[in-house]
Amino acid sequence: MYFPVAGIEVALWVPPLVALIISFFTSMGGVSGAFLLLPFQMSFLGYTHPSVSATNQVFNIVAIPSGVYRYWKEGRMVWPLTALVVIGTLPGVFIGAVIRVAWLPDARHFKVFAACVLFYIGIRMARDLFKKNQANTSEQRFQELVRNHGTNAGGEPLPAVTAVQVSLKRLSYTFYGERSDVSMIGIASLSFIVGIVGGVYGIGGGSIIAPFFVSVFGLPVYTVAGAALMGTFVTSVAGVVFYQILAPFYPEMSVAPDWLLGFLFGLGGMAGMYLGARCQKFVPAKAIKWLLSAILFFTAVKYIVDFFRV
């Protein structure tokens, strides 16, 4: 099937299948999988126009709600954290979209930027993996409970997140008997920076902010996935709208998203994220991060090599 906006031809079943496989694993860590779909579109499908970033965000819009719904149903959505991520990220997304169109329209230079982003995310993940006691107490106890029983002894639902305190300075909540406390200003500042990078790259920012939540702020991985996905969803909506608005000002370039291609990716991602969110509690986060780190480094090296070949 030919996609005129993207300028590529690909079998109809390929985008949903690829998105399903990627999002199944990445959604367990609060990542939509868009950061891996973009290299797939650029390297394997040959879709290198600036509109690939917007198309990637269409995938997020279609796919993410199923994963968010699953985390919400299981009581692991930290809504104050989600709101803060959205508020901090949105302005950065608009700035990132302008940077992508105005200064990084060339595919060769954009690949260098993408490689830097992928390297950074991969280094963060790898560094965490080499730490001896990566999982905190609540994560270990939660996973042990799931492994042994699946529910509490009395057949009650698994532990949920409980908000303790929300103020202009601090956010605190408990998960399975352990309290987490973070700076509201710190989360907002990080979200703004992530929004800029995500707006340029077309990933929404979940793949960057989720590792930060776990490694820098020390939040339990089982509580940040829903917030990261929801933040990615809202910022992706804003990003797609902004790219669509920018399109008439750059008639010589493909800026607006390829809606059909993004929708096909989104259908596969929808199924993958729901299944991934459902299975997350059964899978050690460490195993998933090892796989993601390997893919990140491989893709980043390939982009750097491609840049110097020209």
Protein backbone atom coordinates (compact mmCIF):
# COMPACT_ATOMS: atom_id res chain seq x y z
CA MET A 1 0.00 0.00 0.00
CA TYR A 2 1.26 3.47 -0.91
CA PHE A 3 1.20 6.31 1.63
CA PRO A 4 1.41 9.60 -0.31
CA VAL A 5 2.20 11.89 2.65
CA ALA A 6 5.09 9.72 3.81
CA GLY A 7 6.07 8.87 0.23
CA ILE A 8 6.57 5.18 1.03
CA GLU A 9 5.04 1.85 0.10
CA VAL A 10 4.57 -0.87 2.70
CA ALA A 11 2.25 -3.82 3.32
CA LEU A 12 -0.84 -2.90 5.32
CA TRP A 13 -0.12 -5.40 8.11
CA VAL A 14 3.47 -4.30 8.79
CA PRO A 15 2.86 -1.07 10.80
CA PRO A 16 0.34 -2.61 13.27
CA LEU A 17 2.48 -5.72 13.82
CA VAL A 18 5.69 -3.78 14.44
CA ALA A 19 3.92 -1.35 16.79
CA LEU A 20 2.28 -4.19 18.74
CA ILE A 21 5.58 -5.94 19.40
CA ILE A 22 7.44 -2.76 20.37
CA SER A 23 4.73 -1.25 22.57
CA PHE A 24 4.08 -4.51 24.41
CA PHE A 25 7.54 -4.36 25.96
CA THR A 26 8.07 -0.61 26.22
CA SER A 27 4.70 0.15 27.84
CA MET A 28 5.74 -1.90 30.87
CA GLY A 29 8.23 0.85 31.69
CA GLY A 30 5.90 3.76 30.95
CA VAL A 31 7.22 4.24 27.41
CA SER A 32 4.91 4.27 24.41
CA GLY A 33 7.52 2.87 22.02
CA ALA A 34 7.50 5.90 19.72
CA PHE A 35 11.24 6.37 20.26
CA LEU A 36 11.80 2.99 18.57
CA LEU A 37 9.12 3.42 15.92
CA LEU A 38 10.77 6.56 14.59
CA PRO A 39 14.08 4.78 13.74
CA PHE A 40 12.03 1.99 12.16
CA GLN A 41 10.21 4.48 9.94
CA MET A 42 13.38 6.29 8.97
CA SER A 43 15.73 3.34 8.48
CA PHE A 44 13.45 0.53 7.28
CA LEU A 45 10.59 2.38 5.61
CA GLY A 46 12.64 5.33 4.30
CA TYR A 47 10.27 7.91 5.81
CA THR A 48 12.62 10.84 6.58
CA HIS A 49 10.47 13.96 6.13
CA PRO A 50 9.86 16.25 9.15
CA SER A 51 6.29 14.92 9.19
CA VAL A 52 7.62 11.60 10.53
CA SER A 53 7.79 13.25 13.97
CA ALA A 54 4.12 14.24 13.79
CA THR A 55 3.15 10.79 12.48
CA ASN A 56 4.93 9.27 15.45
CA GLN A 57 2.78 11.37 17.74
CA VAL A 58 -0.39 10.21 15.98
CA PHE A 59 0.67 6.71 16.99
CA ASN A 60 0.85 7.89 20.60
CA ILE A 61 -2.63 9.39 20.46
CA VAL A 62 -4.23 6.20 19.18
CA ALA A 63 -2.23 3.69 21.20
CA ILE A 64 -1.71 5.16 24.67
CA PRO A 65 -5.29 5.33 26.08
CA SER A 66 -5.51 1.52 26.34
CA GLY A 67 -2.39 1.35 28.50
CA VAL A 68 -3.46 4.28 30.67
CA TYR A 69 -6.84 2.65 31.19
CA ARG A 70 -5.20 -0.55 32.42
CA TYR A 71 -2.95 1.28 34.90
CA TRP A 72 -5.92 3.34 36.13
CA LYS A 73 -8.01 0.19 36.58
CA GLU A 74 -5.27 -1.35 38.72
CA GLY A 75 -4.97 1.79 40.88
CA ARG A 76 -1.45 2.68 39.81
CA MET A 77 -2.09 6.12 38.29
CA VAL A 78 -0.53 8.99 40.27
CA TRP A 79 -2.79 11.76 39.00
CA PRO A 80 -1.01 14.73 40.67
CA LEU A 81 2.26 13.55 39.11
CA THR A 82 0.51 13.15 35.76
CA ALA A 83 -0.89 16.68 35.89
CA LEU A 84 2.51 18.13 36.75
CA VAL A 85 4.16 16.31 33.84
CA VAL A 86 1.54 17.64 31.42
CA ILE A 87 1.79 21.23 32.67
CA GLY A 88 5.58 21.19 32.47
CA THR A 89 5.87 19.39 29.14
CA LEU A 90 3.33 21.23 26.98
CA PRO A 91 5.30 24.50 26.47
CA GLY A 92 8.41 22.51 25.59
CA VAL A 93 6.56 20.50 22.94
CA PHE A 94 5.71 23.67 20.98
CA ILE A 95 9.31 24.87 21.14
CA GLY A 96 10.55 21.45 20.00
CA ALA A 97 8.20 21.39 17.00
CA VAL A 98 9.55 24.75 15.79
CA ILE A 99 13.15 23.56 16.20
CA ARG A 100 12.41 20.39 14.19
CA VAL A 101 10.89 22.24 11.25
CA ALA A 102 13.10 25.35 11.22
CA TRP A 103 16.54 23.96 12.12
CA LEU A 104 16.47 20.17 11.73
CA PRO A 105 14.51 19.46 8.52
CA ASP A 106 17.41 17.60 6.90
CA ALA A 107 17.24 13.87 7.62
CA ARG A 108 21.04 13.53 7.94
CA HIS A 109 21.33 16.15 10.68
CA PHE A 110 18.17 14.95 12.38
CA LYS A 111 19.68 11.47 12.66
CA VAL A 112 22.59 12.92 14.65
CA PHE A 113 20.14 14.56 17.03
CA ALA A 114 18.18 11.32 17.28
CA ALA A 115 21.38 9.38 17.99
CA CYS A 116 22.25 11.73 20.86
CA VAL A 117 18.79 11.28 22.37
CA LEU A 118 18.98 7.50 22.04
CA PHE A 119 22.49 7.37 23.49
CA TYR A 120 21.44 9.42 26.48
CA ILE A 121 18.38 7.29 27.23
CA GLY A 122 20.43 4.12 26.79
CA ILE A 123 23.20 5.32 29.12
CA ARG A 124 20.65 6.20 31.80
CA MET A 125 19.08 2.77 31.57
CA ALA A 126 22.40 0.91 31.50
CA ARG A 127 23.75 2.83 34.47
CA ASP A 128 20.67 1.93 36.51
CA LEU A 129 21.01 -1.72 35.52
CA PHE A 130 24.55 -1.90 36.89
CA LYS A 131 23.43 -0.62 40.28
CA LYS A 132 23.20 -3.43 42.80
CA ASN A 133 19.89 -2.63 44.46
CA GLN A 134 17.91 -1.14 41.63
CA ALA A 135 14.45 -2.07 42.84
CA ASN A 136 13.29 -0.39 46.02
CA THR A 137 11.56 -2.20 48.86
CA SER A 138 8.02 -1.58 47.67
CA GLU A 139 8.83 -2.86 44.16
CA GLN A 140 10.41 -6.03 45.52
CA ARG A 141 7.51 -6.73 47.85
CA PHE A 142 4.94 -5.94 45.16
CA GLN A 143 6.56 -8.24 42.64
CA GLU A 144 6.91 -10.99 45.23
CA LEU A 145 3.21 -10.69 46.04
CA VAL A 146 2.26 -10.93 42.36
CA ARG A 147 4.59 -13.87 41.81
CA ASN A 148 3.28 -15.83 44.77
CA HIS A 149 -0.41 -15.00 44.84
CA GLY A 150 -1.45 -12.46 42.21
CA THR A 151 -3.70 -10.87 44.85
CA ASN A 152 -3.67 -10.46 48.59
CA ALA A 153 -4.38 -13.51 50.71
CA GLY A 154 -8.01 -12.50 51.13
CA GLY A 155 -8.54 -12.14 47.40
CA GLU A 156 -8.37 -8.33 47.59
CA PRO A 157 -7.00 -6.25 44.72
CA LEU A 158 -3.27 -5.62 44.46
CA PRO A 159 -1.88 -2.57 46.32
CA ALA A 160 -2.78 0.79 44.77
CA VAL A 161 -1.20 4.25 44.94
CA THR A 162 -2.41 6.53 47.72
CA ALA A 163 -1.81 10.28 47.52
CA VAL A 164 -0.57 11.66 50.83
CA GLN A 165 0.32 15.30 50.26
CA VAL A 166 0.15 17.69 47.33
CA SER A 167 1.47 21.24 47.69
CA LEU A 168 3.22 23.83 45.56
CA LYS A 169 6.58 22.49 46.71
CA ARG A 170 6.24 18.75 47.33
CA LEU A 171 4.31 15.70 46.13
CA SER A 172 4.15 12.66 48.38
CA TYR A 173 2.37 9.35 47.96
CA THR A 174 2.55 5.80 49.28
CA PHE A 175 2.74 2.53 47.42
CA TYR A 176 2.63 -0.77 49.23
CA GLY A 177 3.67 0.76 52.55
CA GLU A 178 6.53 2.86 51.21
CA ARG A 179 6.34 6.64 50.90
CA SER A 180 7.79 8.56 47.94
CA ASP A 181 8.46 12.30 48.12
CA VAL A 182 9.50 14.53 45.19
CA SER A 183 9.96 18.21 44.43
CA MET A 184 7.19 19.77 42.36
CA ILE A 185 9.64 22.30 40.90
CA GLY A 186 12.11 19.56 40.02
CA ILE A 187 9.47 17.51 38.21
CA ALA A 188 8.14 20.59 36.35
CA SER A 189 11.63 21.68 35.24
CA LEU A 190 12.51 18.21 34.01
CA SER A 191 9.18 17.98 32.18
CA PHE A 192 9.82 21.25 30.35
CA ILE A 193 13.21 20.10 29.07
CA VAL A 194 11.80 16.72 28.11
CA GLY A 195 8.98 18.47 26.26
CA ILE A 196 11.46 20.28 24.01
CA VAL A 197 13.38 17.11 23.19
CA GLY A 198 10.18 15.14 22.71
CA GLY A 199 8.70 17.82 20.46
CA VAL A 200 11.74 17.67 18.19
CA TYR A 201 11.98 13.90 18.15
CA GLY A 202 8.25 13.20 18.02
CA ILE A 203 8.16 10.86 21.02
CA GLY A 204 6.10 12.75 23.58
CA GLY A 205 8.91 12.39 26.12
CA GLY A 206 7.86 9.29 28.05
CA SER A 207 11.02 7.37 27.13
CA ILE A 208 13.11 10.13 28.71
CA ILE A 209 11.03 11.08 31.72
CA ALA A 210 10.21 7.56 32.94
CA PRO A 211 13.89 6.55 33.48
CA PHE A 212 14.43 9.91 35.23
CA PHE A 213 11.54 9.28 37.60
CA VAL A 214 13.05 5.94 38.58
CA SER A 215 16.78 6.71 38.62
CA VAL A 216 16.93 10.38 39.70
CA PHE A 217 13.80 10.86 41.80
CA GLY A 218 13.75 7.30 43.14
CA LEU A 219 10.08 6.65 42.39
CA PRO A 220 8.82 3.04 42.17
CA VAL A 221 8.72 1.86 38.55
CA TYR A 222 5.27 0.34 39.08
CA THR A 223 3.85 3.79 39.90
CA VAL A 224 5.42 5.99 37.22
CA ALA A 225 4.44 4.08 34.08
CA GLY A 226 0.85 5.34 33.98
CA ALA A 227 1.82 8.96 34.62
CA ALA A 228 4.54 8.87 31.94
CA LEU A 229 2.16 7.39 29.37
CA MET A 230 -0.62 9.87 30.15
CA GLY A 231 1.80 12.78 29.92
CA THR A 232 3.03 11.46 26.58
CA PHE A 233 -0.55 11.21 25.31
CA VAL A 234 -1.49 14.81 26.14
CA THR A 235 1.74 16.29 24.78
CA SER A 236 1.40 14.21 21.61
CA VAL A 237 -2.05 15.68 20.98
CA ALA A 238 -0.58 19.16 21.34
CA GLY A 239 2.37 18.25 19.11
CA VAL A 240 0.21 16.90 16.29
CA VAL A 241 -2.03 19.97 16.37
CA PHE A 242 0.99 22.27 16.28
CA TYR A 243 2.64 20.41 13.39
CA GLN A 244 -0.64 20.62 11.48
CA ILE A 245 -0.77 24.39 12.09
CA LEU A 246 2.85 24.82 10.98
CA ALA A 247 2.33 22.87 7.71
CA PRO A 248 0.91 25.77 5.60
CA PHE A 249 3.93 27.92 6.50
CA TYR A 250 6.33 25.33 5.02
CA PRO A 251 4.67 24.28 1.74
CA GLU A 252 7.96 22.97 0.35
CA MET A 253 8.23 20.34 3.10
CA SER A 254 6.09 17.48 4.39
CA VAL A 255 5.26 18.73 7.89
CA ALA A 256 1.71 17.56 8.67
CA PRO A 257 1.39 13.93 9.87
CA ASP A 258 0.54 10.96 7.70
CA TRP A 259 -2.72 10.21 9.49
CA LEU A 260 -3.35 6.81 7.93
CA LEU A 261 0.13 5.49 8.65
CA GLY A 262 0.03 6.87 12.19
CA PHE A 263 -3.38 5.30 12.76
CA LEU A 264 -2.16 1.88 11.58
CA PHE A 265 0.81 2.08 13.93
CA GLY A 266 -1.59 3.19 16.66
CA LEU A 267 -3.89 0.19 16.23
CA GLY A 268 -1.04 -2.20 16.87
CA GLY A 269 0.24 -0.03 19.69
CA MET A 270 -3.20 0.01 21.30
CA ALA A 271 -3.22 -3.78 21.61
CA GLY A 272 0.44 -3.91 22.63
CA MET A 273 0.09 -1.28 25.37
CA TYR A 274 -2.98 -2.86 26.90
CA LEU A 275 -1.28 -6.26 27.02
CA GLY A 276 1.97 -4.72 28.24
CA ALA A 277 0.24 -2.80 31.04
CA ARG A 278 -1.63 -5.94 32.02
CA CYS A 279 1.54 -8.06 32.10
CA GLN A 280 3.86 -5.45 33.67
CA LYS A 281 3.41 -6.71 37.20
CA PHE A 282 4.60 -10.18 36.18
CA VAL A 283 7.81 -9.07 34.43
CA PRO A 284 10.98 -7.77 36.14
CA ALA A 285 11.70 -4.23 34.96
CA LYS A 286 15.39 -5.11 34.75
CA ALA A 287 14.87 -7.63 31.94
CA ILE A 288 12.90 -5.12 29.87
CA LYS A 289 15.49 -2.38 30.36
CA TRP A 290 18.32 -4.65 29.20
CA LEU A 291 16.47 -5.28 25.95
CA LEU A 292 15.66 -1.60 25.46
CA SER A 293 19.23 -0.54 26.19
CA ALA A 294 20.59 -2.90 23.55
CA ILE A 295 18.17 -1.59 20.92
CA LEU A 296 18.89 2.02 21.84
CA PHE A 297 22.66 1.68 21.51
CA PHE A 298 22.45 -0.29 18.28
CA THR A 299 20.18 2.32 16.65
CA ALA A 300 22.26 5.26 17.88
CA VAL A 301 25.50 3.75 16.54
CA LYS A 302 23.84 3.09 13.19
CA TYR A 303 22.73 6.72 12.89
CA ILE A 304 26.21 8.03 13.72
CA VAL A 305 27.78 5.69 11.15
CA ASP A 306 25.23 6.80 8.52
CA PHE A 307 26.08 10.45 9.20
CA PHE A 308 29.83 10.00 8.57
CA ARG A 309 29.31 7.83 5.52
CA VAL A 310 27.88 10.73 3.52
